[in-house]
Amino acid sequence: MSRDKRPRGRPPMPEGEAMDRQLTCRVRRSEETQMKAAAEKAGLSLAQWMRQVLLRAAGGSKPKPGKPPKAPGT
């Protein structure tokens, strides 16, 4: 039995789209709880919510096509 060999995994993202950096930030437990609640309320993962808040504070960023921006806490 021979099968067509296809590459495994997901295809690579176009140049400049992949998120290849990771930032670390220490927070208090109470702050984490607040952030998780805000992310959940916005319908986002904690990482997505944090990225939006930080980018907005840093001068804004354009949302990806097809994904409407969600303000924290809405």
N, C-alpha and C. Protein backbone atom coordinates (compact mmCIF):
# COMPACT_ATOMS: atom_id res chain seq x y z
N MET A 1 0.83 -1.19 0.00
CA MET A 1 0.00 0.00 0.00
C MET A 1 0.87 1.25 0.00
N SER A 2 0.78 2.00 -1.03
CA SER A 2 1.54 3.25 -1.03
C SER A 2 0.57 4.43 -0.97
N ARG A 3 0.94 5.39 -0.21
CA ARG A 3 0.13 6.59 -0.06
C ARG A 3 0.93 7.79 -0.56
N ASP A 4 0.19 8.78 -1.01
CA ASP A 4 0.87 10.02 -1.37
C ASP A 4 1.42 10.65 -0.11
N LYS A 5 2.68 11.01 -0.15
CA LYS A 5 3.30 11.65 1.02
C LYS A 5 3.01 13.15 0.95
N ARG A 6 2.26 13.61 1.92
CA ARG A 6 1.98 15.03 2.03
C ARG A 6 2.71 15.56 3.26
N PRO A 7 3.11 16.80 3.21
CA PRO A 7 3.76 17.36 4.40
C PRO A 7 2.79 17.33 5.58
N ARG A 8 3.31 17.05 6.75
CA ARG A 8 2.48 17.04 7.95
C ARG A 8 2.40 18.42 8.55
N GLY A 9 1.34 18.64 9.28
CA GLY A 9 1.19 19.92 9.96
C GLY A 9 0.60 20.98 9.06
N ARG A 10 0.53 22.12 9.62
CA ARG A 10 -0.09 23.22 8.93
C ARG A 10 0.92 23.91 8.02
N PRO A 11 0.48 24.44 6.88
CA PRO A 11 1.42 25.12 5.98
C PRO A 11 2.04 26.35 6.66
N PRO A 12 3.24 26.71 6.28
CA PRO A 12 3.86 27.89 6.88
C PRO A 12 3.08 29.15 6.55
N MET A 13 3.13 30.11 7.48
CA MET A 13 2.44 31.38 7.27
C MET A 13 3.28 32.27 6.36
N PRO A 14 2.64 33.21 5.68
CA PRO A 14 3.40 34.15 4.84
C PRO A 14 4.41 34.94 5.67
N GLU A 15 5.43 35.39 5.01
CA GLU A 15 6.50 36.16 5.65
C GLU A 15 5.94 37.32 6.46
N GLY A 16 6.36 37.45 7.69
CA GLY A 16 5.96 38.56 8.53
C GLY A 16 4.65 38.37 9.29
N GLU A 17 3.92 37.29 9.04
CA GLU A 17 2.65 37.06 9.74
C GLU A 17 2.79 36.18 10.97
N ALA A 18 3.78 35.32 10.98
CA ALA A 18 3.94 34.39 12.10
C ALA A 18 4.36 35.15 13.36
N MET A 19 3.77 34.76 14.47
CA MET A 19 4.17 35.35 15.75
C MET A 19 5.30 34.49 16.29
N ASP A 20 6.50 35.02 16.22
CA ASP A 20 7.65 34.21 16.60
C ASP A 20 8.39 34.75 17.83
N ARG A 21 7.77 35.67 18.54
CA ARG A 21 8.37 36.22 19.75
C ARG A 21 7.43 36.01 20.91
N GLN A 22 8.00 35.89 22.09
CA GLN A 22 7.20 35.70 23.29
C GLN A 22 7.69 36.68 24.35
N LEU A 23 6.75 37.38 24.98
CA LEU A 23 7.08 38.33 26.03
C LEU A 23 6.61 37.77 27.37
N THR A 24 7.33 38.07 28.41
CA THR A 24 6.96 37.60 29.75
C THR A 24 6.74 38.81 30.64
N CYS A 25 5.70 38.73 31.44
CA CYS A 25 5.35 39.83 32.33
C CYS A 25 4.84 39.23 33.64
N ARG A 26 5.37 39.67 34.75
CA ARG A 26 4.90 39.19 36.05
C ARG A 26 3.73 40.04 36.52
N VAL A 27 2.70 39.38 37.02
CA VAL A 27 1.53 40.07 37.55
C VAL A 27 1.10 39.42 38.86
N ARG A 28 0.33 40.15 39.64
CA ARG A 28 -0.23 39.59 40.87
C ARG A 28 -1.39 38.67 40.52
N ARG A 29 -1.71 37.76 41.40
CA ARG A 29 -2.81 36.83 41.18
C ARG A 29 -4.11 37.60 40.92
N SER A 30 -4.34 38.66 41.71
CA SER A 30 -5.57 39.44 41.54
C SER A 30 -5.61 40.11 40.16
N GLU A 31 -4.46 40.55 39.66
CA GLU A 31 -4.40 41.17 38.33
C GLU A 31 -4.69 40.13 37.25
N GLU A 32 -4.15 38.95 37.42
CA GLU A 32 -4.41 37.87 36.46
C GLU A 32 -5.91 37.56 36.41
N THR A 33 -6.54 37.51 37.57
CA THR A 33 -7.97 37.24 37.63
C THR A 33 -8.75 38.31 36.88
N GLN A 34 -8.38 39.58 37.08
CA GLN A 34 -9.04 40.69 36.38
C GLN A 34 -8.85 40.58 34.88
N MET A 35 -7.63 40.26 34.45
CA MET A 35 -7.34 40.16 33.02
C MET A 35 -8.09 39.00 32.38
N LYS A 36 -8.12 37.87 33.06
CA LYS A 36 -8.85 36.72 32.52
C LYS A 36 -10.33 37.02 32.37
N ALA A 37 -10.89 37.72 33.36
CA ALA A 37 -12.31 38.08 33.31
C ALA A 37 -12.58 39.03 32.14
N ALA A 38 -11.71 40.00 31.93
CA ALA A 38 -11.88 40.95 30.83
C ALA A 38 -11.76 40.23 29.48
N ALA A 39 -10.81 39.31 29.37
CA ALA A 39 -10.64 38.55 28.13
C ALA A 39 -11.87 37.70 27.85
N GLU A 40 -12.37 37.04 28.87
CA GLU A 40 -13.56 36.20 28.70
C GLU A 40 -14.77 37.04 28.28
N LYS A 41 -14.91 38.18 28.91
CA LYS A 41 -16.03 39.08 28.59
C LYS A 41 -15.95 39.55 27.14
N ALA A 42 -14.73 39.74 26.64
CA ALA A 42 -14.51 40.18 25.26
C ALA A 42 -14.57 39.02 24.28
N GLY A 43 -14.67 37.79 24.79
CA GLY A 43 -14.73 36.63 23.91
C GLY A 43 -13.39 36.28 23.30
N LEU A 44 -12.33 36.61 24.01
CA LEU A 44 -10.97 36.37 23.51
C LEU A 44 -10.20 35.50 24.48
N SER A 45 -9.14 34.87 23.98
CA SER A 45 -8.23 34.19 24.88
C SER A 45 -7.46 35.27 25.64
N LEU A 46 -6.84 34.91 26.73
CA LEU A 46 -6.06 35.87 27.49
C LEU A 46 -4.95 36.46 26.62
N ALA A 47 -4.28 35.62 25.85
CA ALA A 47 -3.19 36.09 24.99
C ALA A 47 -3.69 37.08 23.94
N GLN A 48 -4.84 36.77 23.32
CA GLN A 48 -5.39 37.68 22.31
C GLN A 48 -5.77 39.02 22.94
N TRP A 49 -6.40 38.96 24.09
CA TRP A 49 -6.83 40.18 24.78
C TRP A 49 -5.61 41.03 25.15
N MET A 50 -4.59 40.40 25.72
CA MET A 50 -3.38 41.13 26.12
C MET A 50 -2.71 41.76 24.91
N ARG A 51 -2.64 41.02 23.81
CA ARG A 51 -2.00 41.54 22.60
C ARG A 51 -2.75 42.79 22.12
N GLN A 52 -4.09 42.73 22.09
CA GLN A 52 -4.87 43.89 21.66
C GLN A 52 -4.66 45.10 22.56
N VAL A 53 -4.71 44.88 23.86
CA VAL A 53 -4.56 45.98 24.81
C VAL A 53 -3.17 46.60 24.68
N LEU A 54 -2.15 45.77 24.61
CA LEU A 54 -0.78 46.29 24.52
C LEU A 54 -0.54 47.02 23.20
N LEU A 55 -1.03 46.47 22.10
CA LEU A 55 -0.83 47.13 20.82
C LEU A 55 -1.58 48.46 20.76
N ARG A 56 -2.78 48.48 21.32
CA ARG A 56 -3.54 49.73 21.35
C ARG A 56 -2.79 50.78 22.16
N ALA A 57 -2.24 50.38 23.30
CA ALA A 57 -1.50 51.31 24.15
C ALA A 57 -0.21 51.78 23.48
N ALA A 58 0.34 50.95 22.61
CA ALA A 58 1.59 51.29 21.94
C ALA A 58 1.37 52.11 20.67
N GLY A 59 0.14 52.47 20.39
CA GLY A 59 -0.09 53.29 19.22
C GLY A 59 -1.02 52.65 18.21
N GLY A 60 -1.60 51.53 18.58
CA GLY A 60 -2.58 50.91 17.71
C GLY A 60 -2.00 49.95 16.71
N SER A 61 -2.87 49.09 16.27
CA SER A 61 -2.52 48.16 15.19
C SER A 61 -3.79 47.85 14.44
N LYS A 62 -3.63 47.43 13.20
CA LYS A 62 -4.79 47.10 12.39
C LYS A 62 -5.17 45.64 12.65
N PRO A 63 -6.47 45.36 12.84
CA PRO A 63 -6.88 43.98 13.04
C PRO A 63 -6.69 43.16 11.77
N LYS A 64 -6.56 41.85 11.91
CA LYS A 64 -6.43 40.98 10.75
C LYS A 64 -7.74 41.01 9.96
N PRO A 65 -7.65 40.89 8.63
CA PRO A 65 -8.88 40.88 7.84
C PRO A 65 -9.79 39.75 8.31
N GLY A 66 -11.09 40.04 8.35
CA GLY A 66 -12.05 39.03 8.73
C GLY A 66 -12.24 38.88 10.22
N LYS A 67 -11.46 39.58 11.01
CA LYS A 67 -11.59 39.51 12.47
C LYS A 67 -11.90 40.90 12.98
N PRO A 68 -13.15 41.15 13.39
CA PRO A 68 -13.47 42.48 13.89
C PRO A 68 -12.77 42.77 15.20
N PRO A 69 -12.33 44.00 15.42
CA PRO A 69 -11.67 44.33 16.67
C PRO A 69 -12.67 44.28 17.82
N LYS A 70 -12.24 43.76 18.95
CA LYS A 70 -13.08 43.73 20.14
C LYS A 70 -12.37 44.52 21.22
N ALA A 71 -13.05 45.52 21.72
CA ALA A 71 -12.47 46.33 22.77
C ALA A 71 -12.46 45.57 24.08
N PRO A 72 -11.43 45.72 24.88
CA PRO A 72 -11.40 45.06 26.18
C PRO A 72 -12.60 45.48 27.02
N GLY A 73 -13.22 44.52 27.65
CA GLY A 73 -14.34 44.81 28.52
C GLY A 73 -15.68 44.97 27.82
N THR A 74 -15.70 44.69 26.48
CA THR A 74 -16.99 44.79 25.77
C THR A 74 -17.40 43.46 25.24
